[in-house]
Amino acid sequence: MPRRGWRIDEEKLLIEQYKTKTIAELIQMIGRNQDSINAKIKRLKADGRIEGGKTREAVKRSLTQRWSK
């Protein structure tokens, strides 16, 4: 399967929503798989375009989503 680049609107949405959304929620919003989103987050953090971590509420939702699988 060929790789597809990230569109500007996808990247902007990821940057804006990263702190308050779980990875599962970002997958639904952006339509990319987990590996793609995690790799993009890592690159954006290295470039200084995403700083800090998730909010406490996002972390709690993430744990709940993992346990419900």
N, C-alpha and C. Protein backbone atom coordinates (compact mmCIF):
# COMPACT_ATOMS: atom_id res chain seq x y z
N MET A 1 0.84 -1.17 0.00
CA MET A 1 0.00 0.00 0.00
C MET A 1 0.90 1.25 0.00
N PRO A 2 0.65 2.16 -0.91
CA PRO A 2 1.51 3.35 -0.99
C PRO A 2 1.28 4.29 0.20
N ARG A 3 2.36 4.94 0.58
CA ARG A 3 2.27 5.93 1.67
C ARG A 3 1.61 7.18 1.13
N ARG A 4 0.84 7.82 1.98
CA ARG A 4 0.28 9.10 1.57
C ARG A 4 0.73 10.16 2.56
N GLY A 5 1.10 11.29 2.03
CA GLY A 5 1.57 12.38 2.89
C GLY A 5 0.44 12.97 3.71
N TRP A 6 0.83 13.68 4.73
CA TRP A 6 -0.14 14.35 5.59
C TRP A 6 -0.56 15.67 4.96
N ARG A 7 -1.85 15.88 4.86
CA ARG A 7 -2.38 17.15 4.37
C ARG A 7 -2.23 18.21 5.47
N ILE A 8 -2.19 19.45 5.08
CA ILE A 8 -2.03 20.55 6.03
C ILE A 8 -3.16 20.55 7.05
N ASP A 9 -4.40 20.30 6.59
CA ASP A 9 -5.53 20.32 7.53
C ASP A 9 -5.46 19.16 8.52
N GLU A 10 -4.94 18.00 8.11
CA GLU A 10 -4.79 16.87 9.03
C GLU A 10 -3.75 17.19 10.09
N GLU A 11 -2.63 17.76 9.66
CA GLU A 11 -1.56 18.11 10.58
C GLU A 11 -2.03 19.17 11.58
N LYS A 12 -2.74 20.17 11.08
CA LYS A 12 -3.26 21.24 11.95
C LYS A 12 -4.22 20.67 12.98
N LEU A 13 -5.11 19.78 12.56
CA LEU A 13 -6.06 19.16 13.47
C LEU A 13 -5.33 18.36 14.55
N LEU A 14 -4.32 17.60 14.15
CA LEU A 14 -3.55 16.82 15.11
C LEU A 14 -2.88 17.73 16.14
N ILE A 15 -2.26 18.81 15.68
CA ILE A 15 -1.60 19.74 16.59
C ILE A 15 -2.60 20.36 17.55
N GLU A 16 -3.75 20.77 17.04
CA GLU A 16 -4.77 21.42 17.86
C GLU A 16 -5.42 20.49 18.87
N GLN A 17 -5.62 19.23 18.48
CA GLN A 17 -6.38 18.29 19.31
C GLN A 17 -5.53 17.34 20.14
N TYR A 18 -4.22 17.32 19.93
CA TYR A 18 -3.35 16.34 20.56
C TYR A 18 -3.52 16.27 22.08
N LYS A 19 -3.51 17.40 22.75
CA LYS A 19 -3.51 17.40 24.22
C LYS A 19 -4.82 16.91 24.82
N THR A 20 -5.94 17.11 24.12
CA THR A 20 -7.24 16.81 24.73
C THR A 20 -7.92 15.56 24.18
N LYS A 21 -7.36 14.95 23.15
CA LYS A 21 -7.97 13.76 22.56
C LYS A 21 -7.06 12.55 22.74
N THR A 22 -7.67 11.39 22.84
CA THR A 22 -6.90 10.14 22.91
C THR A 22 -6.48 9.76 21.49
N ILE A 23 -5.55 8.81 21.41
CA ILE A 23 -5.13 8.33 20.09
C ILE A 23 -6.32 7.71 19.36
N ALA A 24 -7.14 6.97 20.07
CA ALA A 24 -8.33 6.36 19.45
C ALA A 24 -9.26 7.43 18.88
N GLU A 25 -9.43 8.52 19.61
CA GLU A 25 -10.27 9.61 19.13
C GLU A 25 -9.65 10.30 17.92
N LEU A 26 -8.32 10.47 17.95
CA LEU A 26 -7.62 11.07 16.81
C LEU A 26 -7.72 10.19 15.57
N ILE A 27 -7.67 8.88 15.75
CA ILE A 27 -7.82 7.95 14.63
C ILE A 27 -9.16 8.18 13.95
N GLN A 28 -10.22 8.30 14.74
CA GLN A 28 -11.56 8.54 14.19
C GLN A 28 -11.66 9.90 13.51
N MET A 29 -11.06 10.91 14.11
CA MET A 29 -11.15 12.27 13.58
C MET A 29 -10.37 12.45 12.28
N ILE A 30 -9.17 11.87 12.24
CA ILE A 30 -8.25 12.13 11.13
C ILE A 30 -8.33 11.05 10.06
N GLY A 31 -8.66 9.82 10.46
CA GLY A 31 -8.76 8.74 9.50
C GLY A 31 -7.42 8.12 9.14
N ARG A 32 -6.49 8.17 10.09
CA ARG A 32 -5.17 7.54 9.93
C ARG A 32 -5.06 6.42 10.95
N ASN A 33 -4.11 5.50 10.73
CA ASN A 33 -3.95 4.42 11.69
C ASN A 33 -3.07 4.86 12.86
N GLN A 34 -3.03 4.04 13.89
CA GLN A 34 -2.32 4.38 15.12
C GLN A 34 -0.84 4.61 14.88
N ASP A 35 -0.20 3.76 14.09
CA ASP A 35 1.23 3.92 13.83
C ASP A 35 1.52 5.25 13.13
N SER A 36 0.68 5.60 12.17
CA SER A 36 0.86 6.85 11.44
C SER A 36 0.72 8.06 12.35
N ILE A 37 -0.29 8.05 13.20
CA ILE A 37 -0.52 9.16 14.12
C ILE A 37 0.62 9.26 15.13
N ASN A 38 1.03 8.15 15.70
CA ASN A 38 2.11 8.19 16.68
C ASN A 38 3.42 8.67 16.06
N ALA A 39 3.71 8.23 14.84
CA ALA A 39 4.93 8.68 14.16
C ALA A 39 4.89 10.18 13.88
N LYS A 40 3.72 10.67 13.47
CA LYS A 40 3.58 12.10 13.19
C LYS A 40 3.72 12.91 14.48
N ILE A 41 3.14 12.44 15.57
CA ILE A 41 3.28 13.12 16.86
C ILE A 41 4.75 13.21 17.24
N LYS A 42 5.47 12.11 17.08
CA LYS A 42 6.89 12.08 17.42
C LYS A 42 7.67 13.11 16.59
N ARG A 43 7.37 13.20 15.30
CA ARG A 43 8.06 14.18 14.44
C ARG A 43 7.70 15.61 14.84
N LEU A 44 6.43 15.86 15.12
CA LEU A 44 5.99 17.20 15.50
C LEU A 44 6.59 17.63 16.84
N LYS A 45 6.73 16.69 17.77
CA LYS A 45 7.37 17.00 19.05
C LYS A 45 8.85 17.32 18.83
N ALA A 46 9.52 16.55 17.99
CA ALA A 46 10.94 16.79 17.71
C ALA A 46 11.14 18.17 17.06
N ASP A 47 10.19 18.60 16.26
CA ASP A 47 10.25 19.91 15.60
C ASP A 47 9.78 21.04 16.52
N GLY A 48 9.28 20.70 17.72
CA GLY A 48 8.80 21.71 18.65
C GLY A 48 7.42 22.25 18.33
N ARG A 49 6.68 21.55 17.45
CA ARG A 49 5.35 22.02 17.06
C ARG A 49 4.26 21.47 17.98
N ILE A 50 4.60 20.43 18.74
CA ILE A 50 3.74 19.93 19.82
C ILE A 50 4.60 19.91 21.06
N GLU A 51 4.11 20.55 22.11
CA GLU A 51 4.84 20.59 23.37
C GLU A 51 3.97 20.01 24.48
N GLY A 52 4.63 19.41 25.46
CA GLY A 52 3.90 18.89 26.61
C GLY A 52 3.22 17.57 26.31
N GLY A 53 2.35 17.19 27.23
CA GLY A 53 1.67 15.91 27.12
C GLY A 53 0.16 16.07 27.09
N LYS A 54 -0.50 14.98 27.34
CA LYS A 54 -1.96 14.93 27.33
C LYS A 54 -2.53 15.53 28.62
N THR A 55 -3.78 16.00 28.53
CA THR A 55 -4.46 16.45 29.73
C THR A 55 -4.82 15.24 30.59
N ARG A 56 -5.08 15.48 31.84
CA ARG A 56 -5.46 14.39 32.76
C ARG A 56 -6.73 13.69 32.26
N GLU A 57 -7.68 14.46 31.75
CA GLU A 57 -8.94 13.89 31.27
C GLU A 57 -8.70 12.98 30.06
N ALA A 58 -7.82 13.38 29.16
CA ALA A 58 -7.51 12.56 27.98
C ALA A 58 -6.84 11.26 28.40
N VAL A 59 -5.96 11.33 29.39
CA VAL A 59 -5.29 10.12 29.88
C VAL A 59 -6.32 9.17 30.49
N LYS A 60 -7.24 9.70 31.29
CA LYS A 60 -8.28 8.86 31.90
C LYS A 60 -9.13 8.18 30.83
N ARG A 61 -9.54 8.94 29.79
CA ARG A 61 -10.35 8.36 28.71
C ARG A 61 -9.56 7.29 27.97
N SER A 62 -8.28 7.52 27.78
CA SER A 62 -7.44 6.54 27.10
C SER A 62 -7.39 5.21 27.86
N LEU A 63 -7.22 5.31 29.17
CA LEU A 63 -7.19 4.09 29.99
C LEU A 63 -8.53 3.37 29.94
N THR A 64 -9.62 4.13 30.00
CA THR A 64 -10.95 3.53 29.92
C THR A 64 -11.15 2.83 28.57
N GLN A 65 -10.70 3.47 27.50
CA GLN A 65 -10.84 2.88 26.16
C GLN A 65 -10.03 1.59 26.05
N ARG A 66 -8.85 1.56 26.65
CA ARG A 66 -8.03 0.34 26.61
C ARG A 66 -8.69 -0.80 27.38
N TRP A 67 -9.26 -0.49 28.54
CA TRP A 67 -9.86 -1.51 29.39
C TRP A 67 -11.16 -2.06 28.77
N SER A 68 -11.82 -1.28 27.96
CA SER A 68 -13.11 -1.72 27.40
C SER A 68 -12.94 -2.58 26.15
N LYS A 69 -11.71 -2.78 25.70
CA LYS A 69 -11.49 -3.61 24.50
C LYS A 69 -11.60 -5.06 24.81
